[in-house]
């Protein structure tokens, strides 16, 4: 269910210009970026925590300038998320960013889960202006309201 929401969210975004897909894995969103007119550049490093795919992409992607950075479902593997968001801000005009909230621990390198409010706080403190937030799927939580599986953020 979350995957459908994630694909819907991404297919509505503006990916014009040079797009860095940071933590791209096996590049499942490349077609979406290119269909929206973007020039896709994938980046993944197997040596990073949670990185299980081979190394691809530019050697120093955050020392280049990007029109958009796309980063999906990888923040939980990053030991210093505030620094990563600040690095994204320093080299990009826009950020399309997704996170998991309620998900089983996947592997030992799986460090964090963020709330919507917590991630908005981190983004704001990295000088991003949050323009859109969308819930990406939900599951029932006892007899109460539905509990979010994740969120998508669009920032400028």
C-alpha atoms as a PDB file:
ATOM      1  CA  UNK A   1       0.000   0.000   0.000  1.00  0.00           C
ATOM      2  CA  UNK A   2       2.773   2.493   0.861  1.00  0.00           C
ATOM      3  CA  UNK A   3       4.489   1.829  -2.482  1.00  0.00           C
ATOM      4  CA  UNK A   4       1.355   2.898  -4.394  1.00  0.00           C
ATOM      5  CA  UNK A   5       1.164   6.128  -2.380  1.00  0.00           C
ATOM      6  CA  UNK A   6       4.882   6.761  -2.885  1.00  0.00           C
ATOM      7  CA  UNK A   7       4.628   6.286  -6.664  1.00  0.00           C
ATOM      8  CA  UNK A   8       1.589   8.584  -6.811  1.00  0.00           C
ATOM      9  CA  UNK A   9       3.360  11.260  -4.789  1.00  0.00           C
ATOM     10  CA  UNK A  10       6.505  11.119  -6.953  1.00  0.00           C
ATOM     11  CA  UNK A  11       4.595  11.109 -10.243  1.00  0.00           C
ATOM     12  CA  UNK A  12       3.054  14.491  -9.319  1.00  0.00           C
ATOM     13  CA  UNK A  13       6.383  16.239  -8.657  1.00  0.00           C
ATOM     14  CA  UNK A  14       8.326  18.649 -10.857  1.00  0.00           C
ATOM     15  CA  UNK A  15      11.617  17.022 -11.762  1.00  0.00           C
ATOM     16  CA  UNK A  16      12.770  19.590 -14.310  1.00  0.00           C
ATOM     17  CA  UNK A  17      16.530  19.998 -14.722  1.00  0.00           C
ATOM     18  CA  UNK A  18      19.360  17.987 -13.202  1.00  0.00           C
ATOM     19  CA  UNK A  19      18.012  15.600 -10.572  1.00  0.00           C
ATOM     20  CA  UNK A  20      20.164  13.745  -8.073  1.00  0.00           C
ATOM     21  CA  UNK A  21      18.465  10.558  -6.860  1.00  0.00           C
ATOM     22  CA  UNK A  22      20.406  10.262  -3.595  1.00  0.00           C
ATOM     23  CA  UNK A  23      20.372   6.698  -2.268  1.00  0.00           C
ATOM     24  CA  UNK A  24      18.828   5.424  -5.510  1.00  0.00           C
ATOM     25  CA  UNK A  25      19.411   1.699  -4.945  1.00  0.00           C
ATOM     26  CA  UNK A  26      18.381  -0.044  -8.161  1.00  0.00           C
ATOM     27  CA  UNK A  27      16.891   3.196  -9.584  1.00  0.00           C
ATOM     28  CA  UNK A  28      13.148   2.419  -9.286  1.00  0.00           C
ATOM     29  CA  UNK A  29      12.200   6.098  -9.800  1.00  0.00           C
ATOM     30  CA  UNK A  30      14.414   6.921 -12.778  1.00  0.00           C
ATOM     31  CA  UNK A  31      11.539   6.529 -15.254  1.00  0.00           C
ATOM     32  CA  UNK A  32       9.364   8.946 -13.262  1.00  0.00           C
ATOM     33  CA  UNK A  33      12.098  11.603 -13.208  1.00  0.00           C
ATOM     34  CA  UNK A  34      12.824  11.243 -16.926  1.00  0.00           C
ATOM     35  CA  UNK A  35       9.115  11.205 -17.858  1.00  0.00           C
ATOM     36  CA  UNK A  36       8.772  14.564 -16.066  1.00  0.00           C
ATOM     37  CA  UNK A  37      11.632  16.024 -18.146  1.00  0.00           C
ATOM     38  CA  UNK A  38      14.418  15.634 -15.610  1.00  0.00           C
ATOM     39  CA  UNK A  39      17.970  14.522 -16.282  1.00  0.00           C
ATOM     40  CA  UNK A  40      18.403  11.675 -13.794  1.00  0.00           C
ATOM     41  CA  UNK A  41      21.687  11.147 -11.928  1.00  0.00           C
ATOM     42  CA  UNK A  42      21.712   8.216  -9.548  1.00  0.00           C
ATOM     43  CA  UNK A  43      23.873   8.027  -6.467  1.00  0.00           C
ATOM     44  CA  UNK A  44      24.344   5.031  -4.222  1.00  0.00           C
ATOM     45  CA  UNK A  45      27.261   3.806  -2.197  1.00  0.00           C
ATOM     46  CA  UNK A  46      27.349   0.221  -0.993  1.00  0.00           C
ATOM     47  CA  UNK A  47      29.838   1.177   1.731  1.00  0.00           C
ATOM     48  CA  UNK A  48      27.278   3.395   3.520  1.00  0.00           C
ATOM     49  CA  UNK A  49      25.151   1.968   6.303  1.00  0.00           C
ATOM     50  CA  UNK A  50      22.200   0.214   4.721  1.00  0.00           C
ATOM     51  CA  UNK A  51      23.840   0.342   1.289  1.00  0.00           C
ATOM     52  CA  UNK A  52      23.522  -3.047  -0.318  1.00  0.00           C
ATOM     53  CA  UNK A  53      23.698  -2.046  -3.989  1.00  0.00           C
ATOM     54  CA  UNK A  54      26.845  -1.464  -5.997  1.00  0.00           C
ATOM     55  CA  UNK A  55      28.457   1.946  -6.142  1.00  0.00           C
ATOM     56  CA  UNK A  56      27.075   4.176  -8.872  1.00  0.00           C
ATOM     57  CA  UNK A  57      26.993   7.869  -9.612  1.00  0.00           C
ATOM     58  CA  UNK A  58      29.251  10.849  -9.120  1.00  0.00           C
ATOM     59  CA  UNK A  59      31.992  10.494  -6.520  1.00  0.00           C
ATOM     60  CA  UNK A  60      31.147  13.731  -4.692  1.00  0.00           C
ATOM     61  CA  UNK A  61      27.499  14.487  -5.520  1.00  0.00           C
ATOM     62  CA  UNK A  62      26.962  17.011  -2.716  1.00  0.00           C
ATOM     63  CA  UNK A  63      29.793  19.185  -4.040  1.00  0.00           C
ATOM     64  CA  UNK A  64      27.834  19.766  -7.250  1.00  0.00           C
ATOM     65  CA  UNK A  65      24.731  21.904  -7.869  1.00  0.00           C
ATOM     66  CA  UNK A  66      21.368  20.232  -8.508  1.00  0.00           C
ATOM     67  CA  UNK A  67      17.969  21.551  -9.534  1.00  0.00           C
ATOM     68  CA  UNK A  68      16.280  18.833  -7.477  1.00  0.00           C
ATOM     69  CA  UNK A  69      17.448  16.227  -5.003  1.00  0.00           C
ATOM     70  CA  UNK A  70      15.213  13.190  -4.743  1.00  0.00           C
ATOM     71  CA  UNK A  71      15.813  11.007  -1.707  1.00  0.00           C
ATOM     72  CA  UNK A  72      13.391   8.243  -0.821  1.00  0.00           C
ATOM     73  CA  UNK A  73      13.153   5.948   2.171  1.00  0.00           C
ATOM     74  CA  UNK A  74      16.823   6.196   3.173  1.00  0.00           C
ATOM     75  CA  UNK A  75      17.012   8.713   6.034  1.00  0.00           C
ATOM     76  CA  UNK A  76      16.696   5.909   8.575  1.00  0.00           C
ATOM     77  CA  UNK A  77      20.176   4.696   7.562  1.00  0.00           C
ATOM     78  CA  UNK A  78      21.948   8.050   7.955  1.00  0.00           C
ATOM     79  CA  UNK A  79      23.739   8.603  11.280  1.00  0.00           C
ATOM     80  CA  UNK A  80      23.575  12.428  10.996  1.00  0.00           C
ATOM     81  CA  UNK A  81      20.320  13.379   9.274  1.00  0.00           C
ATOM     82  CA  UNK A  82      20.492  17.106  10.208  1.00  0.00           C
ATOM     83  CA  UNK A  83      23.865  17.369   8.478  1.00  0.00           C
ATOM     84  CA  UNK A  84      22.617  15.519   5.399  1.00  0.00           C
ATOM     85  CA  UNK A  85      19.633  17.889   5.107  1.00  0.00           C
ATOM     86  CA  UNK A  86      21.959  20.889   5.463  1.00  0.00           C
ATOM     87  CA  UNK A  87      24.252  19.429   2.781  1.00  0.00           C
ATOM     88  CA  UNK A  88      21.224  18.969   0.503  1.00  0.00           C
ATOM     89  CA  UNK A  89      20.254  22.622   1.130  1.00  0.00           C
ATOM     90  CA  UNK A  90      23.739  23.850   0.203  1.00  0.00           C
ATOM     91  CA  UNK A  91      23.647  22.266  -3.258  1.00  0.00           C
ATOM     92  CA  UNK A  92      20.002  22.142  -4.353  1.00  0.00           C
ATOM     93  CA  UNK A  93      17.052  24.410  -5.097  1.00  0.00           C
ATOM     94  CA  UNK A  94      14.396  21.785  -4.341  1.00  0.00           C
ATOM     95  CA  UNK A  95      14.106  18.622  -2.298  1.00  0.00           C
ATOM     96  CA  UNK A  96      11.663  15.757  -2.752  1.00  0.00           C
ATOM     97  CA  UNK A  97      12.149  13.587   0.313  1.00  0.00           C
ATOM     98  CA  UNK A  98      10.284  10.602   1.746  1.00  0.00           C
ATOM     99  CA  UNK A  99      10.527   8.789   5.059  1.00  0.00           C
ATOM    100  CA  UNK A 100       9.130   5.670   6.664  1.00  0.00           C
ATOM    101  CA  UNK A 101       7.509   6.036  10.051  1.00  0.00           C
ATOM    102  CA  UNK A 102       5.953   2.745  11.098  1.00  0.00           C
ATOM    103  CA  UNK A 103       7.894  -0.089   9.581  1.00  0.00           C
ATOM    104  CA  UNK A 104       9.684  -3.101  11.004  1.00  0.00           C
ATOM    105  CA  UNK A 105      13.403  -2.813  11.573  1.00  0.00           C
ATOM    106  CA  UNK A 106      14.861  -3.999   8.284  1.00  0.00           C
ATOM    107  CA  UNK A 107      18.538  -4.590   9.098  1.00  0.00           C
ATOM    108  CA  UNK A 108      21.113  -3.651  11.758  1.00  0.00           C
ATOM    109  CA  UNK A 109      21.985  -0.402   9.930  1.00  0.00           C
ATOM    110  CA  UNK A 110      18.359   0.728  10.244  1.00  0.00           C
ATOM    111  CA  UNK A 111      18.841   3.520  12.827  1.00  0.00           C
ATOM    112  CA  UNK A 112      15.761   5.781  13.004  1.00  0.00           C
ATOM    113  CA  UNK A 113      12.085   6.363  12.395  1.00  0.00           C
ATOM    114  CA  UNK A 114      10.857   9.950  12.158  1.00  0.00           C
ATOM    115  CA  UNK A 115       7.494  11.530  12.845  1.00  0.00           C
ATOM    116  CA  UNK A 116       6.011  14.103  10.489  1.00  0.00           C
ATOM    117  CA  UNK A 117       6.557  16.843  13.056  1.00  0.00           C
ATOM    118  CA  UNK A 118      10.104  15.706  13.798  1.00  0.00           C
ATOM    119  CA  UNK A 119      11.099  15.700  10.132  1.00  0.00           C
ATOM    120  CA  UNK A 120       9.467  19.085   9.508  1.00  0.00           C
ATOM    121  CA  UNK A 121      11.542  20.401  12.420  1.00  0.00           C
ATOM    122  CA  UNK A 122      14.773  18.971  10.948  1.00  0.00           C
ATOM    123  CA  UNK A 123      13.982  20.322   7.470  1.00  0.00           C
ATOM    124  CA  UNK A 124      13.165  23.802   8.789  1.00  0.00           C
ATOM    125  CA  UNK A 125      16.359  23.925  10.824  1.00  0.00           C
ATOM    126  CA  UNK A 126      18.307  23.026   7.673  1.00  0.00           C
ATOM    127  CA  UNK A 127      16.774  26.137   6.028  1.00  0.00           C
ATOM    128  CA  UNK A 128      14.291  24.253   3.861  1.00  0.00           C
ATOM    129  CA  UNK A 129      10.814  25.712   3.380  1.00  0.00           C
ATOM    130  CA  UNK A 130       8.355  22.810   3.514  1.00  0.00           C
ATOM    131  CA  UNK A 131       5.842  23.411   0.711  1.00  0.00           C
ATOM    132  CA  UNK A 132       3.965  20.099   0.784  1.00  0.00           C
ATOM    133  CA  UNK A 133       3.626  17.146   3.110  1.00  0.00           C
ATOM    134  CA  UNK A 134       1.713  14.038   2.134  1.00  0.00           C
ATOM    135  CA  UNK A 135       0.960  10.938   4.160  1.00  0.00           C
ATOM    136  CA  UNK A 136       2.085   7.819   2.282  1.00  0.00           C
ATOM    137  CA  UNK A 137      -0.239   5.064   3.363  1.00  0.00           C
ATOM    138  CA  UNK A 138      -1.596   4.097   6.768  1.00  0.00           C
ATOM    139  CA  UNK A 139      -2.563   1.121   8.906  1.00  0.00           C
ATOM    140  CA  UNK A 140      -5.172   0.891  11.670  1.00  0.00           C
ATOM    141  CA  UNK A 141      -3.848   1.431  15.190  1.00  0.00           C
ATOM    142  CA  UNK A 142      -6.052  -0.440  17.625  1.00  0.00           C
ATOM    143  CA  UNK A 143      -9.533   1.061  17.778  1.00  0.00           C
ATOM    144  CA  UNK A 144      -8.170   4.549  17.136  1.00  0.00           C
ATOM    145  CA  UNK A 145      -7.290   6.436  13.997  1.00  0.00           C
ATOM    146  CA  UNK A 146      -5.085   5.165  11.210  1.00  0.00           C
ATOM    147  CA  UNK A 147      -1.338   5.329  11.772  1.00  0.00           C
ATOM    148  CA  UNK A 148       0.875   6.729   8.963  1.00  0.00           C
ATOM    149  CA  UNK A 149       3.387   4.452   7.223  1.00  0.00           C
ATOM    150  CA  UNK A 150       5.425   7.373   5.966  1.00  0.00           C
ATOM    151  CA  UNK A 151       5.457  10.886   4.575  1.00  0.00           C
ATOM    152  CA  UNK A 152       6.562  12.689   1.460  1.00  0.00           C
ATOM    153  CA  UNK A 153       7.942  16.229   1.671  1.00  0.00           C
ATOM    154  CA  UNK A 154       8.507  18.810  -1.054  1.00  0.00           C
ATOM    155  CA  UNK A 155      10.810  21.640  -0.007  1.00  0.00           C
ATOM    156  CA  UNK A 156      12.316  24.747  -1.547  1.00  0.00           C
END
